[in-house]
Structures are given as structure tokens and as C-alpha cells.
Amino acid sequence: MKKIIFILLALNLSSVFAYVHTGKIVSIKIRANGVIKVELDTAWENTSCRTKDWWVIKDENSTAGKAQLSLILTAQVSGKTVEIDGFPGLGSCIRMVNGGTKIGEDIKNVSILNE
């Protein structure tokens, strides 16, 4: 019973450490290596794994990555506010590396907000 309570508590607390960013999309850039980076119009604090205000689609070739890009493009064209959150914990900045420095956070979820 103690193990079940601990697991449920740990799962619940993991969402507390997720990084959430709300704003309007100001730029979408596709790099030569296929990495898609997104920047919002609002600043946010640097995390332990990134030093810039960029979000990165973790796998642009996956079904989820294609859906995320579609939603991001829709939000930018329509001028809607989005909420993007990343993966909590270590290893959430695996795609965007510049000279060994991780500078972009991997996207976990994208939502278009009603305004």
C-alpha cells in the first residue's frame, strides 16, 4: 500500500516540475538539420537544460510532431495565444544543442487558448 501511495504521489508531483510557457508565436524556424524551433512573445526563466527562449519539436517526423507543427502554424496565422509545456526533469533539451550547450526545450504539449 505504501508503494502505491508513493507512486501516485510521485506521478502527481512530476507535473509540478513541468515548464509551461504562454504567449503568441513570434517566430518559427526550421534549421538545416530539420530541427524546428519556436519562440513566443513572452520571456520566461531559463531552466536547467536550456539558456534561450526557444521551444523545439522533439521529433518533427512523428505523428505527434507533425500535429504540433500544424497547431503552432495555425496559432501563428490566426494570432492566437498558445500554451506550451515541456518534459519535466533531465533530458528535456535533447534536440537543440549549440556547441555542447543545450539552448532549446523540447515540446511536450501545445494548446491554443480561447481568448
N, C-alpha and C. Protein backbone atom coordinates (compact mmCIF):
# COMPACT_ATOMS: atom_id res chain seq x y z
N MET A 1 0.83 -1.20 0.00
CA MET A 1 0.00 0.00 0.00
C MET A 1 0.87 1.26 0.00
N LYS A 2 1.94 1.25 0.79
CA LYS A 2 2.84 2.41 0.84
C LYS A 2 3.47 2.67 -0.52
N LYS A 3 3.80 1.59 -1.24
CA LYS A 3 4.41 1.74 -2.56
C LYS A 3 3.43 2.40 -3.54
N ILE A 4 2.17 2.01 -3.48
CA ILE A 4 1.16 2.58 -4.37
C ILE A 4 0.97 4.06 -4.08
N ILE A 5 0.91 4.43 -2.81
CA ILE A 5 0.76 5.84 -2.44
C ILE A 5 1.97 6.64 -2.90
N PHE A 6 3.17 6.08 -2.72
CA PHE A 6 4.39 6.76 -3.15
C PHE A 6 4.39 6.98 -4.66
N ILE A 7 4.02 5.97 -5.42
CA ILE A 7 3.99 6.07 -6.88
C ILE A 7 2.98 7.12 -7.32
N LEU A 8 1.81 7.11 -6.74
CA LEU A 8 0.79 8.10 -7.10
C LEU A 8 1.25 9.52 -6.76
N LEU A 9 1.88 9.67 -5.61
CA LEU A 9 2.40 10.97 -5.21
C LEU A 9 3.50 11.43 -6.15
N ALA A 10 4.40 10.53 -6.52
CA ALA A 10 5.50 10.87 -7.43
C ALA A 10 4.96 11.28 -8.80
N LEU A 11 3.97 10.56 -9.30
CA LEU A 11 3.38 10.91 -10.59
C LEU A 11 2.70 12.27 -10.54
N ASN A 12 2.03 12.54 -9.45
CA ASN A 12 1.33 13.81 -9.28
C ASN A 12 2.33 14.97 -9.19
N LEU A 13 3.43 14.78 -8.48
CA LEU A 13 4.42 15.84 -8.31
C LEU A 13 5.21 16.11 -9.58
N SER A 14 5.31 15.12 -10.49
CA SER A 14 6.10 15.35 -11.70
C SER A 14 5.52 16.47 -12.53
N SER A 15 4.21 16.67 -12.49
CA SER A 15 3.61 17.75 -13.26
C SER A 15 3.95 19.12 -12.68
N VAL A 16 4.31 19.18 -11.40
CA VAL A 16 4.67 20.44 -10.77
C VAL A 16 5.96 20.98 -11.38
N PHE A 17 6.85 20.09 -11.82
CA PHE A 17 8.15 20.49 -12.32
C PHE A 17 8.17 20.70 -13.83
N ALA A 18 7.05 20.56 -14.49
CA ALA A 18 6.98 20.80 -15.93
C ALA A 18 7.06 22.31 -16.18
N TYR A 19 7.66 22.67 -17.28
CA TYR A 19 7.80 24.07 -17.63
C TYR A 19 6.67 24.45 -18.57
N VAL A 20 5.91 25.48 -18.21
CA VAL A 20 4.78 25.94 -19.01
C VAL A 20 5.03 27.37 -19.44
N HIS A 21 4.76 27.65 -20.70
CA HIS A 21 5.01 28.97 -21.28
C HIS A 21 3.79 29.36 -22.09
N THR A 22 3.25 30.55 -21.85
CA THR A 22 2.07 31.05 -22.55
C THR A 22 2.43 32.32 -23.29
N GLY A 23 1.97 32.43 -24.53
CA GLY A 23 2.22 33.64 -25.31
C GLY A 23 1.82 33.44 -26.76
N LYS A 24 2.12 34.44 -27.57
CA LYS A 24 1.87 34.35 -29.01
C LYS A 24 3.17 34.02 -29.72
N ILE A 25 3.05 33.26 -30.79
CA ILE A 25 4.23 32.82 -31.52
C ILE A 25 4.78 33.98 -32.36
N VAL A 26 6.06 34.29 -32.15
CA VAL A 26 6.69 35.36 -32.92
C VAL A 26 7.61 34.83 -34.01
N SER A 27 8.09 33.61 -33.85
CA SER A 27 8.92 33.04 -34.92
C SER A 27 8.89 31.52 -34.89
N ILE A 28 8.98 30.97 -36.09
CA ILE A 28 9.13 29.53 -36.29
C ILE A 28 10.30 29.39 -37.26
N LYS A 29 11.32 28.66 -36.86
CA LYS A 29 12.50 28.49 -37.71
C LYS A 29 12.79 27.01 -37.90
N ILE A 30 13.09 26.65 -39.13
CA ILE A 30 13.47 25.28 -39.44
C ILE A 30 14.94 25.31 -39.84
N ARG A 31 15.75 24.62 -39.07
CA ARG A 31 17.20 24.60 -39.32
C ARG A 31 17.53 23.57 -40.39
N ALA A 32 18.72 23.65 -40.92
CA ALA A 32 19.17 22.75 -41.99
C ALA A 32 19.13 21.28 -41.55
N ASN A 33 19.31 21.02 -40.27
CA ASN A 33 19.28 19.65 -39.78
C ASN A 33 17.86 19.15 -39.48
N GLY A 34 16.84 19.98 -39.79
CA GLY A 34 15.45 19.59 -39.59
C GLY A 34 14.84 20.00 -38.26
N VAL A 35 15.65 20.53 -37.36
CA VAL A 35 15.14 20.96 -36.06
C VAL A 35 14.22 22.17 -36.24
N ILE A 36 13.02 22.07 -35.66
CA ILE A 36 12.05 23.17 -35.74
C ILE A 36 12.01 23.85 -34.38
N LYS A 37 12.32 25.16 -34.37
CA LYS A 37 12.31 25.89 -33.11
C LYS A 37 11.25 26.98 -33.16
N VAL A 38 10.63 27.21 -32.01
CA VAL A 38 9.51 28.13 -31.88
C VAL A 38 9.83 29.11 -30.77
N GLU A 39 9.50 30.39 -31.01
CA GLU A 39 9.73 31.41 -29.99
C GLU A 39 8.42 32.15 -29.74
N LEU A 40 8.11 32.38 -28.46
CA LEU A 40 6.91 33.11 -28.07
C LEU A 40 7.27 34.55 -27.73
N ASP A 41 6.24 35.40 -27.63
CA ASP A 41 6.46 36.82 -27.37
C ASP A 41 6.65 37.16 -25.89
N THR A 42 6.64 36.18 -25.04
CA THR A 42 6.81 36.40 -23.61
C THR A 42 8.10 35.73 -23.13
N ALA A 43 8.80 36.39 -22.23
CA ALA A 43 10.04 35.84 -21.69
C ALA A 43 9.71 34.85 -20.58
N TRP A 44 10.62 33.97 -20.31
CA TRP A 44 10.48 33.04 -19.20
C TRP A 44 11.86 32.68 -18.70
N GLU A 45 11.91 32.19 -17.50
CA GLU A 45 13.18 31.90 -16.86
C GLU A 45 13.87 30.72 -17.53
N ASN A 46 15.20 30.80 -17.58
CA ASN A 46 15.98 29.68 -18.09
C ASN A 46 15.82 28.49 -17.16
N THR A 47 15.81 27.31 -17.75
CA THR A 47 15.72 26.09 -16.96
C THR A 47 17.10 25.48 -16.85
N SER A 48 17.18 24.36 -16.19
CA SER A 48 18.48 23.71 -16.02
C SER A 48 19.01 23.15 -17.33
N CYS A 49 18.15 23.02 -18.33
CA CYS A 49 18.64 22.41 -19.57
C CYS A 49 18.63 23.35 -20.77
N ARG A 50 18.22 24.57 -20.63
CA ARG A 50 18.26 25.48 -21.79
C ARG A 50 18.57 26.90 -21.35
N THR A 51 19.13 27.64 -22.28
CA THR A 51 19.55 29.00 -21.98
C THR A 51 18.88 30.05 -22.86
N LYS A 52 18.04 29.64 -23.78
CA LYS A 52 17.36 30.58 -24.67
C LYS A 52 15.84 30.37 -24.56
N ASP A 53 15.07 31.30 -25.11
CA ASP A 53 13.61 31.23 -25.06
C ASP A 53 13.01 30.42 -26.21
N TRP A 54 13.66 29.36 -26.62
CA TRP A 54 13.18 28.58 -27.74
C TRP A 54 12.57 27.27 -27.26
N TRP A 55 11.50 26.90 -27.94
CA TRP A 55 10.91 25.58 -27.79
C TRP A 55 11.25 24.80 -29.05
N VAL A 56 11.43 23.50 -28.93
CA VAL A 56 11.83 22.68 -30.06
C VAL A 56 10.90 21.47 -30.15
N ILE A 57 10.41 21.18 -31.38
CA ILE A 57 9.61 19.97 -31.58
C ILE A 57 10.56 18.79 -31.45
N LYS A 58 10.24 17.89 -30.54
CA LYS A 58 11.15 16.80 -30.21
C LYS A 58 11.41 15.86 -31.38
N ASP A 59 10.38 15.53 -32.14
CA ASP A 59 10.53 14.65 -33.31
C ASP A 59 9.58 15.12 -34.39
N GLU A 60 10.08 15.96 -35.28
CA GLU A 60 9.24 16.55 -36.32
C GLU A 60 8.73 15.53 -37.34
N ASN A 61 9.30 14.34 -37.35
CA ASN A 61 8.86 13.30 -38.29
C ASN A 61 7.77 12.39 -37.72
N SER A 62 7.52 12.49 -36.43
CA SER A 62 6.49 11.65 -35.80
C SER A 62 5.10 12.25 -36.05
N THR A 63 4.08 11.45 -35.83
CA THR A 63 2.71 11.94 -35.95
C THR A 63 2.46 13.08 -34.98
N ALA A 64 2.93 12.93 -33.75
CA ALA A 64 2.75 14.00 -32.74
C ALA A 64 3.49 15.26 -33.14
N GLY A 65 4.71 15.13 -33.64
CA GLY A 65 5.49 16.29 -34.05
C GLY A 65 4.85 17.04 -35.21
N LYS A 66 4.29 16.30 -36.17
CA LYS A 66 3.60 16.94 -37.29
C LYS A 66 2.34 17.65 -36.82
N ALA A 67 1.63 17.05 -35.86
CA ALA A 67 0.42 17.68 -35.31
C ALA A 67 0.79 18.93 -34.52
N GLN A 68 1.89 18.88 -33.77
CA GLN A 68 2.34 20.06 -33.02
C GLN A 68 2.68 21.20 -33.97
N LEU A 69 3.41 20.90 -35.05
CA LEU A 69 3.75 21.95 -36.01
C LEU A 69 2.50 22.53 -36.65
N SER A 70 1.54 21.69 -36.98
CA SER A 70 0.29 22.17 -37.56
C SER A 70 -0.44 23.12 -36.61
N LEU A 71 -0.50 22.74 -35.35
CA LEU A 71 -1.17 23.59 -34.36
C LEU A 71 -0.41 24.90 -34.15
N ILE A 72 0.90 24.84 -34.14
CA ILE A 72 1.73 26.03 -33.97
C ILE A 72 1.54 26.98 -35.15
N LEU A 73 1.53 26.45 -36.37
CA LEU A 73 1.31 27.28 -37.56
C LEU A 73 -0.08 27.90 -37.54
N THR A 74 -1.08 27.12 -37.15
CA THR A 74 -2.44 27.63 -37.06
C THR A 74 -2.52 28.78 -36.07
N ALA A 75 -1.89 28.61 -34.91
CA ALA A 75 -1.90 29.66 -33.89
C ALA A 75 -1.20 30.92 -34.38
N GLN A 76 -0.09 30.76 -35.08
CA GLN A 76 0.63 31.94 -35.56
C GLN A 76 -0.19 32.70 -36.61
N VAL A 77 -0.76 31.98 -37.56
CA VAL A 77 -1.53 32.62 -38.62
C VAL A 77 -2.77 33.32 -38.07
N SER A 78 -3.40 32.71 -37.07
CA SER A 78 -4.62 33.29 -36.51
C SER A 78 -4.36 34.29 -35.38
N GLY A 79 -3.10 34.42 -34.96
CA GLY A 79 -2.77 35.35 -33.88
C GLY A 79 -3.24 34.90 -32.52
N LYS A 80 -3.48 33.62 -32.34
CA LYS A 80 -3.97 33.09 -31.06
C LYS A 80 -2.83 32.86 -30.07
N THR A 81 -3.17 32.88 -28.81
CA THR A 81 -2.23 32.59 -27.73
C THR A 81 -2.12 31.07 -27.56
N VAL A 82 -0.91 30.61 -27.33
CA VAL A 82 -0.67 29.19 -27.10
C VAL A 82 -0.11 28.96 -25.71
N GLU A 83 -0.27 27.75 -25.26
CA GLU A 83 0.38 27.30 -24.04
C GLU A 83 1.22 26.09 -24.43
N ILE A 84 2.51 26.17 -24.16
CA ILE A 84 3.43 25.08 -24.47
C ILE A 84 4.05 24.60 -23.18
N ASP A 85 4.12 23.30 -23.02
CA ASP A 85 4.83 22.78 -21.85
C ASP A 85 5.82 21.72 -22.28
N GLY A 86 6.85 21.57 -21.44
CA GLY A 86 7.93 20.65 -21.74
C GLY A 86 7.93 19.44 -20.83
N PHE A 87 8.93 18.63 -21.03
CA PHE A 87 9.09 17.42 -20.24
C PHE A 87 9.81 17.75 -18.94
N PRO A 88 9.23 17.39 -17.81
CA PRO A 88 9.90 17.69 -16.55
C PRO A 88 11.14 16.82 -16.37
N GLY A 89 12.08 17.34 -15.64
CA GLY A 89 13.27 16.56 -15.32
C GLY A 89 14.38 16.70 -16.35
N LEU A 90 15.38 15.91 -16.20
CA LEU A 90 16.55 15.96 -17.08
C LEU A 90 16.25 15.34 -18.43
N GLY A 91 17.02 15.71 -19.42
CA GLY A 91 16.88 15.11 -20.74
C GLY A 91 15.79 15.74 -21.59
N SER A 92 15.31 16.93 -21.21
CA SER A 92 14.23 17.54 -21.96
C SER A 92 14.73 18.56 -22.97
N CYS A 93 16.02 18.62 -23.18
CA CYS A 93 16.61 19.52 -24.17
C CYS A 93 17.57 18.73 -25.05
N ILE A 94 17.06 17.73 -25.72
CA ILE A 94 17.96 16.85 -26.47
C ILE A 94 18.15 17.27 -27.92
N ARG A 95 17.24 18.04 -28.49
CA ARG A 95 17.32 18.36 -29.92
C ARG A 95 18.14 19.60 -30.23
N MET A 96 18.08 20.61 -29.40
CA MET A 96 18.66 21.91 -29.73
C MET A 96 19.95 22.11 -28.96
N VAL A 97 21.07 21.78 -29.58
CA VAL A 97 22.37 21.90 -28.92
C VAL A 97 23.26 22.77 -29.80
N ASN A 98 23.95 23.71 -29.18
CA ASN A 98 24.85 24.60 -29.89
C ASN A 98 26.21 24.55 -29.21
N GLY A 99 27.16 23.88 -29.82
CA GLY A 99 28.49 23.78 -29.23
C GLY A 99 28.51 23.11 -27.88
N GLY A 100 27.64 22.13 -27.67
CA GLY A 100 27.58 21.43 -26.41
C GLY A 100 26.65 22.06 -25.40
N THR A 101 26.15 23.27 -25.68
CA THR A 101 25.22 23.95 -24.77
C THR A 101 23.80 23.71 -25.25
N LYS A 102 22.96 23.21 -24.37
CA LYS A 102 21.56 22.98 -24.70
C LYS A 102 20.82 24.31 -24.61
N ILE A 103 20.18 24.72 -25.71
CA ILE A 103 19.59 26.06 -25.73
C ILE A 103 18.10 26.07 -26.01
N GLY A 104 17.48 24.94 -26.27
CA GLY A 104 16.05 24.91 -26.53
C GLY A 104 15.37 23.76 -25.80
N GLU A 105 14.17 24.00 -25.31
CA GLU A 105 13.43 22.99 -24.54
C GLU A 105 12.52 22.19 -25.46
N ASP A 106 12.50 20.88 -25.31
CA ASP A 106 11.63 20.02 -26.12
C ASP A 106 10.16 20.23 -25.75
N ILE A 107 9.31 20.29 -26.77
CA ILE A 107 7.88 20.48 -26.57
C ILE A 107 7.23 19.15 -26.22
N LYS A 108 6.42 19.17 -25.19
CA LYS A 108 5.60 18.01 -24.83
C LYS A 108 4.17 18.21 -25.31
N ASN A 109 3.57 19.33 -24.97
CA ASN A 109 2.18 19.63 -25.34
C ASN A 109 2.06 21.05 -25.87
N VAL A 110 1.14 21.24 -26.81
CA VAL A 110 0.82 22.56 -27.34
C VAL A 110 -0.71 22.70 -27.30
N SER A 111 -1.17 23.83 -26.81
CA SER A 111 -2.60 24.11 -26.77
C SER A 111 -2.86 25.52 -27.28
N ILE A 112 -3.93 25.69 -28.06
CA ILE A 112 -4.37 27.02 -28.44
C ILE A 112 -5.40 27.43 -27.40
N LEU A 113 -5.22 28.59 -26.80
CA LEU A 113 -6.10 29.04 -25.73
C LEU A 113 -7.25 29.89 -26.28
N ASN A 114 -8.40 29.77 -25.68
CA ASN A 114 -9.52 30.65 -26.01
C ASN A 114 -9.28 32.00 -25.36
N GLU A 115 -9.47 33.05 -26.10
CA GLU A 115 -9.19 34.38 -25.56
C GLU A 115 -10.46 35.16 -25.37
